[in-house]
Amino acid sequence: MRWTTLALALALLAVQGELWLGKGNMPQVVSLRMQLADQQRTNDAARARNARTAAEASDLKEGLEMVEEKARAELGMVRPDEILVQFAPRGGAAGTSAAGTSAAGTSAASTSAAVAVAPRR
């Protein structure tokens, strides 16, 4: 009986020793779990950065139309093969009304419209 108890105690020590000191031991598992958590945080940050970059790229691709529209409206941009036609409100040129604003409170200049027309080929 005494030998059996001693043998079982030694076997238990061997199993515990392998668990704590052998390949795939507990401290290594804990260390790997911490590394995994750090890597997942890094990956999440990289995914967010990639999503922002993709959105910026999409805006740049599609944004040229918006930039062109804004340049046409605010700066009067026309292409070399286009003719600019402006319409003024009745009663004179845009912005020359006596009050300077209409009854709605908007300036008379804002009621004019500009249209760029490409010539026929």
N, C-alpha and C. Protein backbone atom coordinates (compact mmCIF):
# COMPACT_ATOMS: atom_id res chain seq x y z
N MET A 1 0.83 -1.18 0.00
CA MET A 1 0.00 0.00 0.00
C MET A 1 0.88 1.25 0.00
N ARG A 2 1.94 1.18 0.78
CA ARG A 2 2.82 2.33 0.86
C ARG A 2 3.49 2.58 -0.48
N TRP A 3 3.87 1.54 -1.17
CA TRP A 3 4.51 1.68 -2.48
C TRP A 3 3.51 2.21 -3.51
N THR A 4 2.30 1.81 -3.42
CA THR A 4 1.27 2.27 -4.35
C THR A 4 1.03 3.77 -4.16
N THR A 5 0.96 4.20 -2.94
CA THR A 5 0.76 5.62 -2.66
C THR A 5 1.94 6.43 -3.17
N LEU A 6 3.13 5.94 -2.94
CA LEU A 6 4.34 6.62 -3.40
C LEU A 6 4.37 6.67 -4.94
N ALA A 7 4.01 5.57 -5.58
CA ALA A 7 4.00 5.52 -7.04
C ALA A 7 2.96 6.49 -7.61
N LEU A 8 1.79 6.54 -7.00
CA LEU A 8 0.76 7.47 -7.46
C LEU A 8 1.18 8.93 -7.23
N ALA A 9 1.84 9.19 -6.11
CA ALA A 9 2.32 10.55 -5.83
C ALA A 9 3.38 10.95 -6.86
N LEU A 10 4.28 10.03 -7.21
CA LEU A 10 5.31 10.32 -8.22
C LEU A 10 4.68 10.53 -9.60
N ALA A 11 3.68 9.74 -9.92
CA ALA A 11 3.00 9.91 -11.21
C ALA A 11 2.28 11.27 -11.26
N LEU A 12 1.67 11.64 -10.16
CA LEU A 12 1.01 12.95 -10.08
C LEU A 12 2.02 14.07 -10.23
N LEU A 13 3.17 13.94 -9.59
CA LEU A 13 4.24 14.94 -9.73
C LEU A 13 4.74 15.02 -11.16
N ALA A 14 4.86 13.88 -11.82
CA ALA A 14 5.33 13.85 -13.20
C ALA A 14 4.33 14.56 -14.12
N VAL A 15 3.05 14.30 -13.90
CA VAL A 15 2.02 14.94 -14.72
C VAL A 15 2.01 16.45 -14.47
N GLN A 16 2.09 16.85 -13.21
CA GLN A 16 2.12 18.27 -12.87
C GLN A 16 3.39 18.95 -13.40
N GLY A 17 4.50 18.25 -13.31
CA GLY A 17 5.75 18.80 -13.83
C GLY A 17 5.67 19.00 -15.33
N GLU A 18 5.08 18.05 -16.02
CA GLU A 18 4.92 18.19 -17.47
C GLU A 18 3.98 19.35 -17.78
N LEU A 19 2.94 19.50 -16.98
CA LEU A 19 1.99 20.58 -17.20
C LEU A 19 2.65 21.95 -17.02
N TRP A 20 3.48 22.11 -16.01
CA TRP A 20 4.07 23.41 -15.70
C TRP A 20 5.40 23.65 -16.39
N LEU A 21 6.14 22.59 -16.68
CA LEU A 21 7.49 22.78 -17.21
C LEU A 21 7.69 22.24 -18.62
N GLY A 22 6.78 21.43 -19.10
CA GLY A 22 6.97 20.77 -20.39
C GLY A 22 6.51 21.63 -21.56
N LYS A 23 6.48 20.99 -22.72
CA LYS A 23 6.06 21.66 -23.94
C LYS A 23 4.58 22.04 -23.82
N GLY A 24 4.23 23.28 -24.15
CA GLY A 24 2.85 23.75 -24.05
C GLY A 24 2.45 23.98 -22.61
N ASN A 25 3.38 24.42 -21.79
CA ASN A 25 3.10 24.61 -20.37
C ASN A 25 2.19 25.82 -20.14
N MET A 26 1.68 25.95 -18.96
CA MET A 26 0.71 26.99 -18.62
C MET A 26 1.27 28.40 -18.80
N PRO A 27 2.47 28.72 -18.32
CA PRO A 27 2.97 30.09 -18.55
C PRO A 27 3.07 30.43 -20.04
N GLN A 28 3.45 29.46 -20.85
CA GLN A 28 3.53 29.70 -22.29
C GLN A 28 2.14 29.93 -22.87
N VAL A 29 1.15 29.18 -22.41
CA VAL A 29 -0.22 29.35 -22.89
C VAL A 29 -0.74 30.74 -22.52
N VAL A 30 -0.47 31.17 -21.30
CA VAL A 30 -0.90 32.50 -20.86
C VAL A 30 -0.22 33.57 -21.70
N SER A 31 1.08 33.40 -21.94
CA SER A 31 1.82 34.36 -22.76
C SER A 31 1.27 34.41 -24.18
N LEU A 32 0.97 33.27 -24.76
CA LEU A 32 0.41 33.22 -26.11
C LEU A 32 -0.98 33.86 -26.17
N ARG A 33 -1.76 33.67 -25.13
CA ARG A 33 -3.09 34.30 -25.10
C ARG A 33 -2.97 35.83 -25.04
N MET A 34 -2.00 36.33 -24.29
CA MET A 34 -1.78 37.78 -24.23
C MET A 34 -1.30 38.30 -25.58
N GLN A 35 -0.42 37.55 -26.24
CA GLN A 35 0.04 37.95 -27.57
C GLN A 35 -1.12 37.96 -28.57
N LEU A 36 -1.99 36.97 -28.45
CA LEU A 36 -3.15 36.88 -29.33
C LEU A 36 -4.07 38.09 -29.13
N ALA A 37 -4.31 38.47 -27.88
CA ALA A 37 -5.16 39.63 -27.60
C ALA A 37 -4.53 40.91 -28.17
N ASP A 38 -3.21 41.06 -28.01
CA ASP A 38 -2.52 42.23 -28.57
C ASP A 38 -2.64 42.24 -30.09
N GLN A 39 -2.45 41.09 -30.71
CA GLN A 39 -2.54 41.01 -32.17
C GLN A 39 -3.95 41.31 -32.67
N GLN A 40 -4.96 40.85 -31.93
CA GLN A 40 -6.34 41.13 -32.32
C GLN A 40 -6.64 42.62 -32.23
N ARG A 41 -6.11 43.30 -31.19
CA ARG A 41 -6.28 44.76 -31.09
C ARG A 41 -5.59 45.45 -32.27
N THR A 42 -4.38 45.00 -32.60
CA THR A 42 -3.65 45.57 -33.74
C THR A 42 -4.43 45.35 -35.03
N ASN A 43 -4.97 44.15 -35.21
CA ASN A 43 -5.75 43.85 -36.42
C ASN A 43 -7.00 44.71 -36.51
N ASP A 44 -7.69 44.91 -35.37
CA ASP A 44 -8.88 45.76 -35.38
C ASP A 44 -8.54 47.19 -35.77
N ALA A 45 -7.43 47.70 -35.24
CA ALA A 45 -6.99 49.05 -35.61
C ALA A 45 -6.64 49.12 -37.10
N ALA A 46 -6.00 48.08 -37.61
CA ALA A 46 -5.64 48.06 -39.04
C ALA A 46 -6.90 47.97 -39.90
N ARG A 47 -7.90 47.20 -39.47
CA ARG A 47 -9.16 47.12 -40.22
C ARG A 47 -9.84 48.48 -40.28
N ALA A 48 -9.86 49.18 -39.14
CA ALA A 48 -10.47 50.51 -39.11
C ALA A 48 -9.72 51.47 -40.02
N ARG A 49 -8.39 51.40 -39.98
CA ARG A 49 -7.57 52.26 -40.85
C ARG A 49 -7.81 51.92 -42.32
N ASN A 50 -7.92 50.63 -42.64
CA ASN A 50 -8.19 50.21 -44.02
C ASN A 50 -9.57 50.69 -44.48
N ALA A 51 -10.55 50.63 -43.59
CA ALA A 51 -11.90 51.10 -43.95
C ALA A 51 -11.88 52.60 -44.23
N ARG A 52 -11.15 53.37 -43.39
CA ARG A 52 -11.04 54.82 -43.63
C ARG A 52 -10.34 55.09 -44.96
N THR A 53 -9.28 54.34 -45.25
CA THR A 53 -8.54 54.54 -46.50
C THR A 53 -9.42 54.19 -47.70
N ALA A 54 -10.18 53.10 -47.60
CA ALA A 54 -11.08 52.72 -48.69
C ALA A 54 -12.15 53.78 -48.90
N ALA A 55 -12.67 54.35 -47.82
CA ALA A 55 -13.68 55.41 -47.95
C ALA A 55 -13.07 56.65 -48.59
N GLU A 56 -11.85 57.00 -48.20
CA GLU A 56 -11.19 58.15 -48.81
C GLU A 56 -10.94 57.91 -50.30
N ALA A 57 -10.52 56.71 -50.65
CA ALA A 57 -10.28 56.38 -52.06
C ALA A 57 -11.58 56.47 -52.85
N SER A 58 -12.65 55.97 -52.28
CA SER A 58 -13.95 56.04 -52.94
C SER A 58 -14.39 57.49 -53.11
N ASP A 59 -14.18 58.30 -52.06
CA ASP A 59 -14.53 59.71 -52.16
C ASP A 59 -13.71 60.40 -53.24
N LEU A 60 -12.44 60.05 -53.34
CA LEU A 60 -11.60 60.67 -54.36
C LEU A 60 -12.04 60.26 -55.76
N LYS A 61 -12.43 59.00 -55.92
CA LYS A 61 -12.88 58.54 -57.24
C LYS A 61 -14.19 59.21 -57.62
N GLU A 62 -15.14 59.23 -56.71
CA GLU A 62 -16.45 59.78 -56.98
C GLU A 62 -16.49 61.28 -56.71
N GLY A 63 -15.55 61.76 -55.92
CA GLY A 63 -15.54 63.16 -55.52
C GLY A 63 -15.17 64.11 -56.62
N LEU A 64 -14.54 63.64 -57.69
CA LEU A 64 -14.17 64.53 -58.78
C LEU A 64 -15.41 65.13 -59.42
N GLU A 65 -16.46 64.36 -59.49
CA GLU A 65 -17.72 64.89 -60.02
C GLU A 65 -18.24 66.00 -59.13
N MET A 66 -18.15 65.81 -57.82
CA MET A 66 -18.61 66.82 -56.89
C MET A 66 -17.74 68.08 -56.99
N VAL A 67 -16.43 67.91 -57.12
CA VAL A 67 -15.52 69.04 -57.25
C VAL A 67 -15.82 69.80 -58.54
N GLU A 68 -16.03 69.07 -59.61
CA GLU A 68 -16.33 69.70 -60.89
C GLU A 68 -17.65 70.47 -60.82
N GLU A 69 -18.66 69.86 -60.20
CA GLU A 69 -19.95 70.53 -60.08
C GLU A 69 -19.82 71.81 -59.26
N LYS A 70 -19.07 71.73 -58.17
CA LYS A 70 -18.87 72.90 -57.32
C LYS A 70 -18.10 73.99 -58.07
N ALA A 71 -17.08 73.61 -58.83
CA ALA A 71 -16.30 74.58 -59.61
C ALA A 71 -17.17 75.22 -60.68
N ARG A 72 -18.04 74.45 -61.28
CA ARG A 72 -18.94 75.01 -62.31
C ARG A 72 -19.91 76.01 -61.68
N ALA A 73 -20.48 75.65 -60.53
CA ALA A 73 -21.49 76.50 -59.90
C ALA A 73 -20.88 77.75 -59.29
N GLU A 74 -19.77 77.59 -58.55
CA GLU A 74 -19.22 78.72 -57.81
C GLU A 74 -18.20 79.52 -58.59
N LEU A 75 -17.45 78.88 -59.45
CA LEU A 75 -16.37 79.58 -60.16
C LEU A 75 -16.66 79.79 -61.64
N GLY A 76 -17.76 79.26 -62.14
CA GLY A 76 -18.10 79.44 -63.54
C GLY A 76 -17.20 78.64 -64.47
N MET A 77 -16.68 77.52 -64.03
CA MET A 77 -15.79 76.71 -64.85
C MET A 77 -16.54 76.13 -66.05
N VAL A 78 -15.92 76.18 -67.21
CA VAL A 78 -16.45 75.54 -68.40
C VAL A 78 -15.31 74.80 -69.08
N ARG A 79 -15.65 73.78 -69.80
CA ARG A 79 -14.64 73.03 -70.55
C ARG A 79 -14.35 73.77 -71.86
N PRO A 80 -13.22 73.48 -72.49
CA PRO A 80 -12.88 74.19 -73.73
C PRO A 80 -13.90 74.02 -74.85
N ASP A 81 -14.62 72.90 -74.89
CA ASP A 81 -15.57 72.68 -75.98
C ASP A 81 -17.01 72.99 -75.59
N GLU A 82 -17.22 73.76 -74.52
CA GLU A 82 -18.55 74.11 -74.06
C GLU A 82 -18.82 75.60 -74.24
N ILE A 83 -20.09 75.93 -74.29
CA ILE A 83 -20.53 77.32 -74.36
C ILE A 83 -21.33 77.60 -73.10
N LEU A 84 -21.01 78.69 -72.41
CA LEU A 84 -21.70 79.03 -71.16
C LEU A 84 -22.88 79.93 -71.48
N VAL A 85 -24.05 79.55 -71.00
CA VAL A 85 -25.27 80.34 -71.19
C VAL A 85 -25.79 80.67 -69.81
N GLN A 86 -25.96 81.96 -69.48
CA GLN A 86 -26.48 82.36 -68.18
C GLN A 86 -27.85 82.97 -68.35
N PHE A 87 -28.75 82.65 -67.45
CA PHE A 87 -30.09 83.21 -67.44
C PHE A 87 -30.19 84.14 -66.25
N ALA A 88 -30.65 85.35 -66.48
CA ALA A 88 -30.84 86.32 -65.41
C ALA A 88 -32.33 86.46 -65.14
N PRO A 89 -32.72 86.87 -63.93
CA PRO A 89 -34.13 87.06 -63.63
C PRO A 89 -34.70 88.24 -64.43
N ARG A 90 -36.01 88.28 -64.60
CA ARG A 90 -36.65 89.39 -65.33
C ARG A 90 -36.39 90.69 -64.60
N GLY A 91 -36.26 91.74 -65.35
CA GLY A 91 -36.09 93.05 -64.75
C GLY A 91 -34.64 93.50 -64.75
N GLY A 92 -33.78 92.83 -65.43
CA GLY A 92 -32.41 93.31 -65.51
C GLY A 92 -31.41 92.23 -65.22
N ALA A 93 -30.18 92.63 -65.13
CA ALA A 93 -29.08 91.69 -64.88
C ALA A 93 -29.14 91.21 -63.44
N ALA A 94 -28.53 90.10 -63.20
CA ALA A 94 -28.54 89.51 -61.87
C ALA A 94 -27.84 90.44 -60.89
N GLY A 95 -28.44 90.63 -59.73
CA GLY A 95 -27.81 91.40 -58.67
C GLY A 95 -27.97 92.90 -58.82
N THR A 96 -28.81 93.38 -59.75
CA THR A 96 -28.95 94.82 -59.94
C THR A 96 -30.30 95.33 -59.47
N SER A 97 -31.03 94.56 -58.70
CA SER A 97 -32.32 95.04 -58.21
C SER A 97 -32.08 96.12 -57.18
N ALA A 98 -33.05 96.97 -56.97
CA ALA A 98 -32.90 98.11 -56.08
C ALA A 98 -32.70 97.67 -54.65
N ALA A 99 -33.45 96.69 -54.19
CA ALA A 99 -33.35 96.26 -52.80
C ALA A 99 -32.19 95.32 -52.59
N GLY A 100 -31.75 94.62 -53.61
CA GLY A 100 -30.66 93.67 -53.48
C GLY A 100 -31.11 92.30 -53.04
N THR A 101 -32.31 92.20 -52.49
CA THR A 101 -32.84 90.90 -52.10
C THR A 101 -34.28 90.81 -52.56
N SER A 102 -34.71 89.60 -52.75
CA SER A 102 -36.09 89.39 -53.15
C SER A 102 -36.97 89.33 -51.93
N ALA A 103 -38.26 89.14 -52.13
CA ALA A 103 -39.20 89.07 -51.00
C ALA A 103 -38.91 87.88 -50.11
N ALA A 104 -38.32 86.84 -50.66
CA ALA A 104 -38.04 85.65 -49.86
C ALA A 104 -36.77 85.82 -49.05
N GLY A 105 -36.02 86.89 -49.25
CA GLY A 105 -34.83 87.12 -48.47
C GLY A 105 -33.57 86.61 -49.13
N THR A 106 -33.66 86.08 -50.33
CA THR A 106 -32.47 85.61 -51.02
C THR A 106 -31.99 86.70 -51.95
N SER A 107 -30.73 86.70 -52.24
CA SER A 107 -30.21 87.73 -53.13
C SER A 107 -30.66 87.45 -54.55
N ALA A 108 -30.75 88.51 -55.32
CA ALA A 108 -31.20 88.36 -56.70
C ALA A 108 -30.20 87.58 -57.51
N ALA A 109 -28.93 87.65 -57.13
CA ALA A 109 -27.90 86.92 -57.86
C ALA A 109 -28.08 85.41 -57.72
N SER A 110 -28.66 84.97 -56.61
CA SER A 110 -28.81 83.53 -56.43
C SER A 110 -29.94 82.96 -57.28
N THR A 111 -30.79 83.81 -57.85
CA THR A 111 -31.87 83.30 -58.67
C THR A 111 -31.45 83.10 -60.12
N SER A 112 -30.26 83.57 -60.49
CA SER A 112 -29.80 83.36 -61.86
C SER A 112 -29.33 81.93 -62.03
N ALA A 113 -29.33 81.46 -63.25
CA ALA A 113 -28.89 80.09 -63.52
C ALA A 113 -27.88 80.12 -64.64
N ALA A 114 -26.89 79.25 -64.57
CA ALA A 114 -25.89 79.13 -65.62
C ALA A 114 -25.94 77.72 -66.17
N VAL A 115 -25.86 77.59 -67.46
CA VAL A 115 -25.89 76.28 -68.10
C VAL A 115 -24.74 76.22 -69.08
N ALA A 116 -23.93 75.20 -68.97
CA ALA A 116 -22.85 74.99 -69.94
C ALA A 116 -23.35 74.00 -70.96
N VAL A 117 -23.28 74.35 -72.22
CA VAL A 117 -23.79 73.51 -73.28
C VAL A 117 -22.64 73.13 -74.20
N ALA A 118 -22.49 71.85 -74.44
CA ALA A 118 -21.43 71.39 -75.35
C ALA A 118 -21.93 71.56 -76.78
N PRO A 119 -21.09 72.07 -77.66
CA PRO A 119 -21.52 72.23 -79.06
C PRO A 119 -21.72 70.87 -79.72
N ARG A 120 -22.57 70.86 -80.74
CA ARG A 120 -22.82 69.62 -81.48
C ARG A 120 -21.63 69.33 -82.37
N ARG A 121 -21.38 68.07 -82.57
CA ARG A 121 -20.25 67.66 -83.41
C ARG A 121 -20.70 67.08 -84.70
